[in-house]
Amino acid sequence: QVQLVESGGGLVQVGGSLRLSCVASGFINTIYWYRQAPGKQRELVGTITRGGTTTYVDSVKGRFTISRDNAKNTVYLQMNSVKPEDTAVYYCKTVANIWGQGTQVTVSS
């Protein structure tokens, strides 16, 4: 079964940018990006189909962009103009409910 590995998280200042990667060990279709902030439920950030169609939660529209490179089995989450409320562990997930281990993003003010 496919495995997912996220990377690219770290500490970023308010207004800065960060790019997360989700690398799959094999073929992937639609990928979901989720995040979970401390003490909060996991929430869907956005999705991307294999053909590149994307959706976003309202709170990140215009700031985050999801893209993918199917040849590399990799999906990206470009985070721009980050805010303190973007601090969370970010996960990618497949349609078959396979999750990566997550990558921590901390936005400092």
PDB file of N, CA and C in Angstrom:
ATOM      1  N   GLN A   1       0.825  -1.168   0.000  1.00  0.00           N
ATOM      2  CA  GLN A   1       0.000   0.000   0.000  1.00  0.00           C
ATOM      3  C   GLN A   1       0.878   1.243   0.000  1.00  0.00           C
ATOM      4  N   VAL A   2       0.332   2.309  -0.551  1.00  0.00           N
ATOM      5  CA  VAL A   2       1.077   3.554  -0.667  1.00  0.00           C
ATOM      6  C   VAL A   2       1.390   4.123   0.709  1.00  0.00           C
ATOM      7  N   GLN A   3       2.578   4.685   0.827  1.00  0.00           N
ATOM      8  CA  GLN A   3       2.940   5.417   2.040  1.00  0.00           C
ATOM      9  C   GLN A   3       3.173   6.880   1.672  1.00  0.00           C
ATOM     10  N   LEU A   4       2.873   7.763   2.625  1.00  0.00           N
ATOM     11  CA  LEU A   4       3.027   9.198   2.420  1.00  0.00           C
ATOM     12  C   LEU A   4       4.009   9.759   3.426  1.00  0.00           C
ATOM     13  N   VAL A   5       4.863  10.673   2.971  1.00  0.00           N
ATOM     14  CA  VAL A   5       5.822  11.324   3.855  1.00  0.00           C
ATOM     15  C   VAL A   5       5.762  12.829   3.602  1.00  0.00           C
ATOM     16  N   GLU A   6       5.395  13.564   4.642  1.00  0.00           N
ATOM     17  CA  GLU A   6       5.376  15.019   4.550  1.00  0.00           C
ATOM     18  C   GLU A   6       6.720  15.580   5.002  1.00  0.00           C
ATOM     19  N   SER A   7       7.048  16.743   4.457  1.00  0.00           N
ATOM     20  CA  SER A   7       8.260  17.443   4.875  1.00  0.00           C
ATOM     21  C   SER A   7       8.099  18.924   4.559  1.00  0.00           C
ATOM     22  N   GLY A   8       9.037  19.714   5.053  1.00  0.00           N
ATOM     23  CA  GLY A   8       9.038  21.128   4.740  1.00  0.00           C
ATOM     24  C   GLY A   8       8.546  22.035   5.845  1.00  0.00           C
ATOM     25  N   GLY A   9       8.052  21.445   6.913  1.00  0.00           N
ATOM     26  CA  GLY A   9       7.582  22.255   8.012  1.00  0.00           C
ATOM     27  C   GLY A   9       8.728  22.938   8.736  1.00  0.00           C
ATOM     28  N   GLY A  10       8.351  23.849   9.630  1.00  0.00           N
ATOM     29  CA  GLY A  10       9.367  24.558  10.404  1.00  0.00           C
ATOM     30  C   GLY A  10       8.794  25.798  11.027  1.00  0.00           C
ATOM     31  N   LEU A  11       9.698  26.662  11.437  1.00  0.00           N
ATOM     32  CA  LEU A  11       9.325  27.919  12.074  1.00  0.00           C
ATOM     33  C   LEU A  11       9.380  29.038  11.029  1.00  0.00           C
ATOM     34  N   VAL A  12       8.307  29.806  10.950  1.00  0.00           N
ATOM     35  CA  VAL A  12       8.233  30.894   9.975  1.00  0.00           C
ATOM     36  C   VAL A  12       7.586  32.101  10.640  1.00  0.00           C
ATOM     37  N   GLN A  13       8.018  33.269  10.250  1.00  0.00           N
ATOM     38  CA  GLN A  13       7.445  34.480  10.823  1.00  0.00           C
ATOM     39  C   GLN A  13       6.127  34.836  10.154  1.00  0.00           C
ATOM     40  N   VAL A  14       5.322  35.577  10.875  1.00  0.00           N
ATOM     41  CA  VAL A  14       4.062  36.061  10.312  1.00  0.00           C
ATOM     42  C   VAL A  14       4.336  36.785   8.996  1.00  0.00           C
ATOM     43  N   GLY A  15       3.521  36.444   8.000  1.00  0.00           N
ATOM     44  CA  GLY A  15       3.680  37.047   6.688  1.00  0.00           C
ATOM     45  C   GLY A  15       4.646  36.326   5.782  1.00  0.00           C
ATOM     46  N   GLY A  16       5.333  35.338   6.333  1.00  0.00           N
ATOM     47  CA  GLY A  16       6.318  34.592   5.551  1.00  0.00           C
ATOM     48  C   GLY A  16       5.690  33.478   4.737  1.00  0.00           C
ATOM     49  N   SER A  17       6.569  32.678   4.140  1.00  0.00           N
ATOM     50  CA  SER A  17       6.126  31.591   3.269  1.00  0.00           C
ATOM     51  C   SER A  17       6.830  30.288   3.631  1.00  0.00           C
ATOM     52  N   LEU A  18       6.169  29.206   3.268  1.00  0.00           N
ATOM     53  CA  LEU A  18       6.704  27.877   3.516  1.00  0.00           C
ATOM     54  C   LEU A  18       6.098  26.957   2.466  1.00  0.00           C
ATOM     55  N   ARG A  19       6.856  25.982   2.013  1.00  0.00           N
ATOM     56  CA  ARG A  19       6.305  24.996   1.084  1.00  0.00           C
ATOM     57  C   ARG A  19       6.435  23.604   1.682  1.00  0.00           C
ATOM     58  N   LEU A  20       5.308  22.965   1.832  1.00  0.00           N
ATOM     59  CA  LEU A  20       5.278  21.595   2.323  1.00  0.00           C
ATOM     60  C   LEU A  20       5.212  20.630   1.150  1.00  0.00           C
ATOM     61  N   SER A  21       5.802  19.470   1.351  1.00  0.00           N
ATOM     62  CA  SER A  21       5.758  18.419   0.343  1.00  0.00           C
ATOM     63  C   SER A  21       5.133  17.163   0.926  1.00  0.00           C
ATOM     64  N   CYS A  22       4.455  16.448   0.090  1.00  0.00           N
ATOM     65  CA  CYS A  22       3.874  15.151   0.456  1.00  0.00           C
ATOM     66  C   CYS A  22       4.320  14.187  -0.643  1.00  0.00           C
ATOM     67  N   VAL A  23       5.255  13.321  -0.290  1.00  0.00           N
ATOM     68  CA  VAL A  23       5.810  12.375  -1.256  1.00  0.00           C
ATOM     69  C   VAL A  23       5.197  11.002  -1.034  1.00  0.00           C
ATOM     70  N   ALA A  24       4.657  10.452  -2.108  1.00  0.00           N
ATOM     71  CA  ALA A  24       4.034   9.125  -2.033  1.00  0.00           C
ATOM     72  C   ALA A  24       4.973   8.062  -2.587  1.00  0.00           C
ATOM     73  N   SER A  25       4.828   6.865  -2.071  1.00  0.00           N
ATOM     74  CA  SER A  25       5.687   5.755  -2.508  1.00  0.00           C
ATOM     75  C   SER A  25       5.188   5.118  -3.792  1.00  0.00           C
ATOM     76  N   GLY A  26       4.000   5.559  -4.259  1.00  0.00           N
ATOM     77  CA  GLY A  26       3.457   5.019  -5.489  1.00  0.00           C
ATOM     78  C   GLY A  26       2.398   5.934  -6.069  1.00  0.00           C
ATOM     79  N   PHE A  27       1.609   5.364  -6.969  1.00  0.00           N
ATOM     80  CA  PHE A  27       0.562   6.128  -7.660  1.00  0.00           C
ATOM     81  C   PHE A  27      -0.454   6.683  -6.675  1.00  0.00           C
ATOM     82  N   ILE A  28      -0.823   7.952  -6.874  1.00  0.00           N
ATOM     83  CA  ILE A  28      -1.827   8.572  -6.019  1.00  0.00           C
ATOM     84  C   ILE A  28      -2.840   9.337  -6.860  1.00  0.00           C
ATOM     85  N   ASN A  29      -4.059   9.349  -6.427  1.00  0.00           N
ATOM     86  CA  ASN A  29      -5.110  10.144  -7.065  1.00  0.00           C
ATOM     87  C   ASN A  29      -5.302  11.439  -6.280  1.00  0.00           C
ATOM     88  N   THR A  30      -6.527  11.684  -5.851  1.00  0.00           N
ATOM     89  CA  THR A  30      -6.796  12.891  -5.075  1.00  0.00           C
ATOM     90  C   THR A  30      -6.046  12.847  -3.743  1.00  0.00           C
ATOM     91  N   ILE A  31      -5.457  13.975  -3.393  1.00  0.00           N
ATOM     92  CA  ILE A  31      -4.767  14.114  -2.110  1.00  0.00           C
ATOM     93  C   ILE A  31      -5.433  15.229  -1.316  1.00  0.00           C
ATOM     94  N   TYR A  32      -5.570  14.972  -0.031  1.00  0.00           N
ATOM     95  CA  TYR A  32      -6.153  15.929   0.890  1.00  0.00           C
ATOM     96  C   TYR A  32      -5.050  16.445   1.821  1.00  0.00           C
ATOM     97  N   TRP A  33      -5.034  17.751   2.029  1.00  0.00           N
ATOM     98  CA  TRP A  33      -4.166  18.345   3.058  1.00  0.00           C
ATOM     99  C   TRP A  33      -5.056  18.701   4.258  1.00  0.00           C
ATOM    100  N   TYR A  34      -4.636  18.228   5.422  1.00  0.00           N
ATOM    101  CA  TYR A  34      -5.312  18.529   6.677  1.00  0.00           C
ATOM    102  C   TYR A  34      -4.322  19.233   7.604  1.00  0.00           C
ATOM    103  N   ARG A  35      -4.860  19.843   8.634  1.00  0.00           N
ATOM    104  CA  ARG A  35      -4.015  20.377   9.690  1.00  0.00           C
ATOM    105  C   ARG A  35      -4.720  20.223  11.032  1.00  0.00           C
ATOM    106  N   GLN A  36      -3.901  20.139  12.067  1.00  0.00           N
ATOM    107  CA  GLN A  36      -4.434  20.030  13.418  1.00  0.00           C
ATOM    108  C   GLN A  36      -3.640  20.935  14.330  1.00  0.00           C
ATOM    109  N   ALA A  37      -4.319  21.944  14.846  1.00  0.00           N
ATOM    110  CA  ALA A  37      -3.705  22.863  15.792  1.00  0.00           C
ATOM    111  C   ALA A  37      -3.855  22.299  17.197  1.00  0.00           C
ATOM    112  N   PRO A  38      -2.995  22.725  18.122  1.00  0.00           N
ATOM    113  CA  PRO A  38      -3.070  22.229  19.501  1.00  0.00           C
ATOM    114  C   PRO A  38      -4.461  22.447  20.100  1.00  0.00           C
ATOM    115  N   GLY A  39      -5.028  21.389  20.633  1.00  0.00           N
ATOM    116  CA  GLY A  39      -6.318  21.481  21.297  1.00  0.00           C
ATOM    117  C   GLY A  39      -7.510  21.602  20.366  1.00  0.00           C
ATOM    118  N   LYS A  40      -7.279  21.459  19.065  1.00  0.00           N
ATOM    119  CA  LYS A  40      -8.369  21.598  18.106  1.00  0.00           C
ATOM    120  C   LYS A  40      -8.516  20.332  17.276  1.00  0.00           C
ATOM    121  N   GLN A  41      -9.666  20.219  16.649  1.00  0.00           N
ATOM    122  CA  GLN A  41      -9.903  19.077  15.775  1.00  0.00           C
ATOM    123  C   GLN A  41      -9.134  19.252  14.465  1.00  0.00           C
ATOM    124  N   ARG A  42      -8.839  18.129  13.859  1.00  0.00           N
ATOM    125  CA  ARG A  42      -8.186  18.166  12.560  1.00  0.00           C
ATOM    126  C   ARG A  42      -9.148  18.755  11.537  1.00  0.00           C
ATOM    127  N   GLU A  43      -8.642  19.656  10.695  1.00  0.00           N
ATOM    128  CA  GLU A  43      -9.502  20.285   9.701  1.00  0.00           C
ATOM    129  C   GLU A  43      -8.904  20.144   8.305  1.00  0.00           C
ATOM    130  N   LEU A  44      -9.801  20.056   7.339  1.00  0.00           N
ATOM    131  CA  LEU A  44      -9.379  19.967   5.946  1.00  0.00           C
ATOM    132  C   LEU A  44      -8.928  21.343   5.465  1.00  0.00           C
ATOM    133  N   VAL A  45      -7.742  21.382   4.876  1.00  0.00           N
ATOM    134  CA  VAL A  45      -7.200  22.628   4.339  1.00  0.00           C
ATOM    135  C   VAL A  45      -7.534  22.754   2.854  1.00  0.00           C
ATOM    136  N   GLY A  46      -7.365  21.659   2.137  1.00  0.00           N
ATOM    137  CA  GLY A  46      -7.636  21.695   0.710  1.00  0.00           C
ATOM    138  C   GLY A  46      -7.408  20.349   0.071  1.00  0.00           C
ATOM    139  N   THR A  47      -7.749  20.273  -1.201  1.00  0.00           N
ATOM    140  CA  THR A  47      -7.615  19.020  -1.937  1.00  0.00           C
ATOM    141  C   THR A  47      -7.085  19.287  -3.337  1.00  0.00           C
ATOM    142  N   ILE A  48      -6.542  18.258  -3.937  1.00  0.00           N
ATOM    143  CA  ILE A  48      -6.136  18.355  -5.338  1.00  0.00           C
ATOM    144  C   ILE A  48      -6.369  17.007  -5.996  1.00  0.00           C
ATOM    145  N   THR A  49      -7.037  17.049  -7.149  1.00  0.00           N
ATOM    146  CA  THR A  49      -7.250  15.812  -7.901  1.00  0.00           C
ATOM    147  C   THR A  49      -6.000  15.493  -8.715  1.00  0.00           C
ATOM    148  N   ARG A  50      -5.991  14.327  -9.314  1.00  0.00           N
ATOM    149  CA  ARG A  50      -4.838  13.954 -10.123  1.00  0.00           C
ATOM    150  C   ARG A  50      -4.685  14.904 -11.323  1.00  0.00           C
ATOM    151  N   GLY A  51      -5.810  15.406 -11.783  1.00  0.00           N
ATOM    152  CA  GLY A  51      -5.790  16.343 -12.900  1.00  0.00           C
ATOM    153  C   GLY A  51      -5.459  17.771 -12.513  1.00  0.00           C
ATOM    154  N   GLY A  52      -5.350  18.027 -11.213  1.00  0.00           N
ATOM    155  CA  GLY A  52      -4.924  19.344 -10.768  1.00  0.00           C
ATOM    156  C   GLY A  52      -6.027  20.270 -10.287  1.00  0.00           C
ATOM    157  N   THR A  53      -7.254  19.783 -10.236  1.00  0.00           N
ATOM    158  CA  THR A  53      -8.339  20.616  -9.714  1.00  0.00           C
ATOM    159  C   THR A  53      -8.201  20.732  -8.198  1.00  0.00           C
ATOM    160  N   THR A  54      -8.304  21.958  -7.703  1.00  0.00           N
ATOM    161  CA  THR A  54      -8.077  22.201  -6.276  1.00  0.00           C
ATOM    162  C   THR A  54      -9.306  22.803  -5.605  1.00  0.00           C
ATOM    163  N   THR A  55      -9.385  22.565  -4.320  1.00  0.00           N
ATOM    164  CA  THR A  55     -10.364  23.226  -3.460  1.00  0.00           C
ATOM    165  C   THR A  55      -9.635  23.662  -2.200  1.00  0.00           C
ATOM    166  N   TYR A  56     -10.163  24.691  -1.540  1.00  0.00           N
ATOM    167  CA  TYR A  56      -9.544  25.225  -0.328  1.00  0.00           C
ATOM    168  C   TYR A  56     -10.605  25.611   0.688  1.00  0.00           C
ATOM    169  N   VAL A  57     -10.235  25.493   1.942  1.00  0.00           N
ATOM    170  CA  VAL A  57     -11.088  26.027   2.993  1.00  0.00           C
ATOM    171  C   VAL A  57     -10.988  27.553   2.928  1.00  0.00           C
ATOM    172  N   ASP A  58     -12.055  28.233   3.315  1.00  0.00           N
ATOM    173  CA  ASP A  58     -12.113  29.684   3.154  1.00  0.00           C
ATOM    174  C   ASP A  58     -10.949  30.402   3.846  1.00  0.00           C
ATOM    175  N   SER A  59     -10.505  29.885   4.974  1.00  0.00           N
ATOM    176  CA  SER A  59      -9.497  30.586   5.763  1.00  0.00           C
ATOM    177  C   SER A  59      -8.121  30.635   5.089  1.00  0.00           C
ATOM    178  N   VAL A  60      -7.900  29.822   4.072  1.00  0.00           N
ATOM    179  CA  VAL A  60      -6.598  29.833   3.390  1.00  0.00           C
ATOM    180  C   VAL A  60      -6.689  30.273   1.936  1.00  0.00           C
ATOM    181  N   LYS A  61      -7.883  30.503   1.452  1.00  0.00           N
ATOM    182  CA  LYS A  61      -8.042  30.913   0.047  1.00  0.00           C
ATOM    183  C   LYS A  61      -7.265  32.204  -0.223  1.00  0.00           C
ATOM    184  N   GLY A  62      -6.546  32.199  -1.332  1.00  0.00           N
ATOM    185  CA  GLY A  62      -5.750  33.361  -1.692  1.00  0.00           C
ATOM    186  C   GLY A  62      -4.382  33.393  -1.049  1.00  0.00           C
ATOM    187  N   ARG A  63      -4.138  32.510  -0.087  1.00  0.00           N
ATOM    188  CA  ARG A  63      -2.829  32.457   0.588  1.00  0.00           C
ATOM    189  C   ARG A  63      -2.112  31.138   0.339  1.00  0.00           C
ATOM    190  N   PHE A  64      -2.849  30.055   0.308  1.00  0.00           N
ATOM    191  CA  PHE A  64      -2.264  28.729   0.118  1.00  0.00           C
ATOM    192  C   PHE A  64      -2.559  28.233  -1.295  1.00  0.00           C
ATOM    193  N   THR A  65      -1.607  27.502  -1.844  1.00  0.00           N
ATOM    194  CA  THR A  65      -1.788  26.902  -3.162  1.00  0.00           C
ATOM    195  C   THR A  65      -1.317  25.459  -3.129  1.00  0.00           C
ATOM    196  N   ILE A  66      -2.181  24.579  -3.607  1.00  0.00           N
ATOM    197  CA  ILE A  66      -1.825  23.162  -3.698  1.00  0.00           C
ATOM    198  C   ILE A  66      -1.489  22.855  -5.155  1.00  0.00           C
ATOM    199  N   SER A  67      -0.401  22.134  -5.345  1.00  0.00           N
ATOM    200  CA  SER A  67      -0.005  21.726  -6.683  1.00  0.00           C
ATOM    201  C   SER A  67       0.569  20.311  -6.605  1.00  0.00           C
ATOM    202  N   ARG A  68       0.864  19.750  -7.754  1.00  0.00           N
ATOM    203  CA  ARG A  68       1.396  18.388  -7.738  1.00  0.00           C
ATOM    204  C   ARG A  68       2.271  18.125  -8.948  1.00  0.00           C
ATOM    205  N   ASP A  69       3.157  17.152  -8.771  1.00  0.00           N
ATOM    206  CA  ASP A  69       4.008  16.660  -9.847  1.00  0.00           C
ATOM    207  C   ASP A  69       3.774  15.158  -9.905  1.00  0.00           C
ATOM    208  N   ASN A  70       2.929  14.737 -10.826  1.00  0.00           N
ATOM    209  CA  ASN A  70       2.560  13.326 -10.875  1.00  0.00           C
ATOM    210  C   ASN A  70       3.751  12.419 -11.220  1.00  0.00           C
ATOM    211  N   ALA A  71       4.691  12.941 -11.960  1.00  0.00           N
ATOM    212  CA  ALA A  71       5.868  12.138 -12.313  1.00  0.00           C
ATOM    213  C   ALA A  71       6.704  11.806 -11.081  1.00  0.00           C
ATOM    214  N   LYS A  72       6.609  12.675 -10.084  1.00  0.00           N
ATOM    215  CA  LYS A  72       7.366  12.474  -8.840  1.00  0.00           C
ATOM    216  C   LYS A  72       6.485  11.956  -7.717  1.00  0.00           C
ATOM    217  N   ASN A  73       5.209  11.692  -8.005  1.00  0.00           N
ATOM    218  CA  ASN A  73       4.267  11.261  -6.947  1.00  0.00           C
ATOM    219  C   ASN A  73       4.321  12.208  -5.748  1.00  0.00           C
ATOM    220  N   THR A  74       4.336  13.479  -6.034  1.00  0.00           N
ATOM    221  CA  THR A  74       4.505  14.479  -4.988  1.00  0.00           C
ATOM    222  C   THR A  74       3.437  15.558  -5.103  1.00  0.00           C
ATOM    223  N   VAL A  75       2.933  15.936  -3.956  1.00  0.00           N
ATOM    224  CA  VAL A  75       1.968  17.034  -3.864  1.00  0.00           C
ATOM    225  C   VAL A  75       2.565  18.091  -2.952  1.00  0.00           C
ATOM    226  N   TYR A  76       2.319  19.353  -3.290  1.00  0.00           N
ATOM    227  CA  TYR A  76       2.883  20.471  -2.542  1.00  0.00           C
ATOM    228  C   TYR A  76       1.775  21.334  -1.937  1.00  0.00           C
ATOM    229  N   LEU A  77       2.115  21.958  -0.833  1.00  0.00           N
ATOM    230  CA  LEU A  77       1.251  22.971  -0.237  1.00  0.00           C
ATOM    231  C   LEU A  77       2.104  24.216  -0.032  1.00  0.00           C
ATOM    232  N   GLN A  78       1.890  25.199  -0.900  1.00  0.00           N
ATOM    233  CA  GLN A  78       2.608  26.469  -0.790  1.00  0.00           C
ATOM    234  C   GLN A  78       1.812  27.377   0.129  1.00  0.00           C
ATOM    235  N   MET A  79       2.450  27.794   1.207  1.00  0.00           N
ATOM    236  CA  MET A  79       1.797  28.626   2.203  1.00  0.00           C
ATOM    237  C   MET A  79       2.417  30.013   2.157  1.00  0.00           C
ATOM    238  N   ASN A  80       1.635  31.008   1.803  1.00  0.00           N
ATOM    239  CA  ASN A  80       2.106  32.392   1.757  1.00  0.00           C
ATOM    240  C   ASN A  80       1.315  33.241   2.751  1.00  0.00           C
ATOM    241  N   SER A  81       1.886  34.362   3.112  1.00  0.00           N
ATOM    242  CA  SER A  81       1.216  35.293   4.038  1.00  0.00           C
ATOM    243  C   SER A  81       0.690  34.553   5.264  1.00  0.00           C
ATOM    244  N   VAL A  82       1.537  33.748   5.856  1.00  0.00           N
ATOM    245  CA  VAL A  82       1.083  32.914   6.971  1.00  0.00           C
ATOM    246  C   VAL A  82       0.718  33.761   8.182  1.00  0.00           C
ATOM    247  N   LYS A  83      -0.193  33.201   8.968  1.00  0.00           N
ATOM    248  CA  LYS A  83      -0.704  33.856  10.166  1.00  0.00           C
ATOM    249  C   LYS A  83      -0.470  32.940  11.369  1.00  0.00           C
ATOM    250  N   PRO A  84      -0.512  33.491  12.572  1.00  0.00           N
ATOM    251  CA  PRO A  84      -0.327  32.640  13.763  1.00  0.00           C
ATOM    252  C   PRO A  84      -1.326  31.487  13.803  1.00  0.00           C
ATOM    253  N   GLU A  85      -2.521  31.708  13.322  1.00  0.00           N
ATOM    254  CA  GLU A  85      -3.539  30.644  13.345  1.00  0.00           C
ATOM    255  C   GLU A  85      -3.266  29.527  12.340  1.00  0.00           C
ATOM    256  N   ASP A  86      -2.236  29.672  11.524  1.00  0.00           N
ATOM    257  CA  ASP A  86      -1.827  28.585  10.637  1.00  0.00           C
ATOM    258  C   ASP A  86      -0.914  27.581  11.353  1.00  0.00           C
ATOM    259  N   THR A  87      -0.530  27.902  12.569  1.00  0.00           N
ATOM    260  CA  THR A  87       0.309  26.981  13.344  1.00  0.00           C
ATOM    261  C   THR A  87      -0.442  25.674  13.577  1.00  0.00           C
ATOM    262  N   ALA A  88       0.156  24.581  13.158  1.00  0.00           N
ATOM    263  CA  ALA A  88      -0.491  23.278  13.258  1.00  0.00           C
ATOM    264  C   ALA A  88       0.453  22.203  12.737  1.00  0.00           C
ATOM    265  N   VAL A  89       0.064  20.965  12.957  1.00  0.00           N
ATOM    266  CA  VAL A  89       0.706  19.852  12.263  1.00  0.00           C
ATOM    267  C   VAL A  89      -0.077  19.627  10.981  1.00  0.00           C
ATOM    268  N   TYR A  90       0.618  19.576   9.880  1.00  0.00           N
ATOM    269  CA  TYR A  90      -0.001  19.424   8.571  1.00  0.00           C
ATOM    270  C   TYR A  90       0.194  17.996   8.077  1.00  0.00           C
ATOM    271  N   TYR A  91      -0.910  17.423   7.598  1.00  0.00           N
ATOM    272  CA  TYR A  91      -0.911  16.048   7.120  1.00  0.00           C
ATOM    273  C   TYR A  91      -1.446  15.987   5.690  1.00  0.00           C
ATOM    274  N   CYS A  92      -0.977  15.008   4.937  1.00  0.00           N
ATOM    275  CA  CYS A  92      -1.617  14.690   3.674  1.00  0.00           C
ATOM    276  C   CYS A  92      -2.263  13.305   3.800  1.00  0.00           C
ATOM    277  N   LYS A  93      -3.270  13.107   2.994  1.00  0.00           N
ATOM    278  CA  LYS A  93      -4.064  11.883   3.077  1.00  0.00           C
ATOM    279  C   LYS A  93      -4.544  11.476   1.691  1.00  0.00           C
ATOM    280  N   THR A  94      -4.640  10.170   1.482  1.00  0.00           N
ATOM    281  CA  THR A  94      -5.174   9.676   0.216  1.00  0.00           C
ATOM    282  C   THR A  94      -6.676   9.412   0.336  1.00  0.00           C
ATOM    283  N   VAL A  95      -7.297   9.131  -0.799  1.00  0.00           N
ATOM    284  CA  VAL A  95      -8.712   8.774  -0.820  1.00  0.00           C
ATOM    285  C   VAL A  95      -8.960   7.528   0.009  1.00  0.00           C
ATOM    286  N   ALA A  96      -7.971   6.618   0.011  1.00  0.00           N
ATOM    287  CA  ALA A  96      -8.098   5.368   0.765  1.00  0.00           C
ATOM    288  C   ALA A  96      -7.803   5.558   2.245  1.00  0.00           C
ATOM    289  N   ASN A  97      -7.723   6.802   2.678  1.00  0.00           N
ATOM    290  CA  ASN A  97      -7.540   7.120   4.106  1.00  0.00           C
ATOM    291  C   ASN A  97      -6.169   6.713   4.641  1.00  0.00           C
ATOM    292  N   ILE A  98      -5.169   6.801   3.780  1.00  0.00           N
ATOM    293  CA  ILE A  98      -3.799   6.607   4.226  1.00  0.00           C
ATOM    294  C   ILE A  98      -3.226   7.977   4.566  1.00  0.00           C
ATOM    295  N   TRP A  99      -2.653   8.098   5.765  1.00  0.00           N
ATOM    296  CA  TRP A  99      -2.132   9.373   6.252  1.00  0.00           C
ATOM    297  C   TRP A  99      -0.613   9.339   6.322  1.00  0.00           C
ATOM    298  N   GLY A 100      -0.037  10.523   6.143  1.00  0.00           N
ATOM    299  CA  GLY A 100       1.372  10.676   6.439  1.00  0.00           C
ATOM    300  C   GLY A 100       1.552  10.915   7.931  1.00  0.00           C
ATOM    301  N   GLN A 101       2.806  11.095   8.339  1.00  0.00           N
ATOM    302  CA  GLN A 101       3.102  11.262   9.767  1.00  0.00           C
ATOM    303  C   GLN A 101       2.941  12.707  10.225  1.00  0.00           C
ATOM    304  N   GLY A 102       2.841  13.622   9.284  1.00  0.00           N
ATOM    305  CA  GLY A 102       2.645  15.017   9.616  1.00  0.00           C
ATOM    306  C   GLY A 102       3.944  15.799   9.686  1.00  0.00           C
ATOM    307  N   THR A 103       3.828  17.109   9.483  1.00  0.00           N
ATOM    308  CA  THR A 103       4.974  18.003   9.612  1.00  0.00           C
ATOM    309  C   THR A 103       4.502  19.263  10.336  1.00  0.00           C
ATOM    310  N   GLN A 104       5.283  19.682  11.313  1.00  0.00           N
ATOM    311  CA  GLN A 104       4.891  20.794  12.172  1.00  0.00           C
ATOM    312  C   GLN A 104       5.209  22.131  11.506  1.00  0.00           C
ATOM    313  N   VAL A 105       4.223  23.008  11.513  1.00  0.00           N
ATOM    314  CA  VAL A 105       4.409  24.380  11.063  1.00  0.00           C
ATOM    315  C   VAL A 105       4.102  25.300  12.228  1.00  0.00           C
ATOM    316  N   THR A 106       5.056  26.162  12.560  1.00  0.00           N
ATOM    317  CA  THR A 106       4.871  27.112  13.646  1.00  0.00           C
ATOM    318  C   THR A 106       5.090  28.512  13.103  1.00  0.00           C
ATOM    319  N   VAL A 107       4.083  29.347  13.270  1.00  0.00           N
ATOM    320  CA  VAL A 107       4.165  30.724  12.806  1.00  0.00           C
ATOM    321  C   VAL A 107       4.385  31.622  14.012  1.00  0.00           C
ATOM    322  N   SER A 108       5.473  32.342  13.995  1.00  0.00           N
ATOM    323  CA  SER A 108       5.819  33.195  15.129  1.00  0.00           C
ATOM    324  C   SER A 108       5.534  34.648  14.803  1.00  0.00           C
ATOM    325  N   SER A 109       5.122  35.354  15.850  1.00  0.00           N
ATOM    326  CA  SER A 109       4.846  36.777  15.685  1.00  0.00           C
ATOM    327  C   SER A 109       5.926  37.590  16.386  1.00  0.00           C
TER     328      SER A 109
END
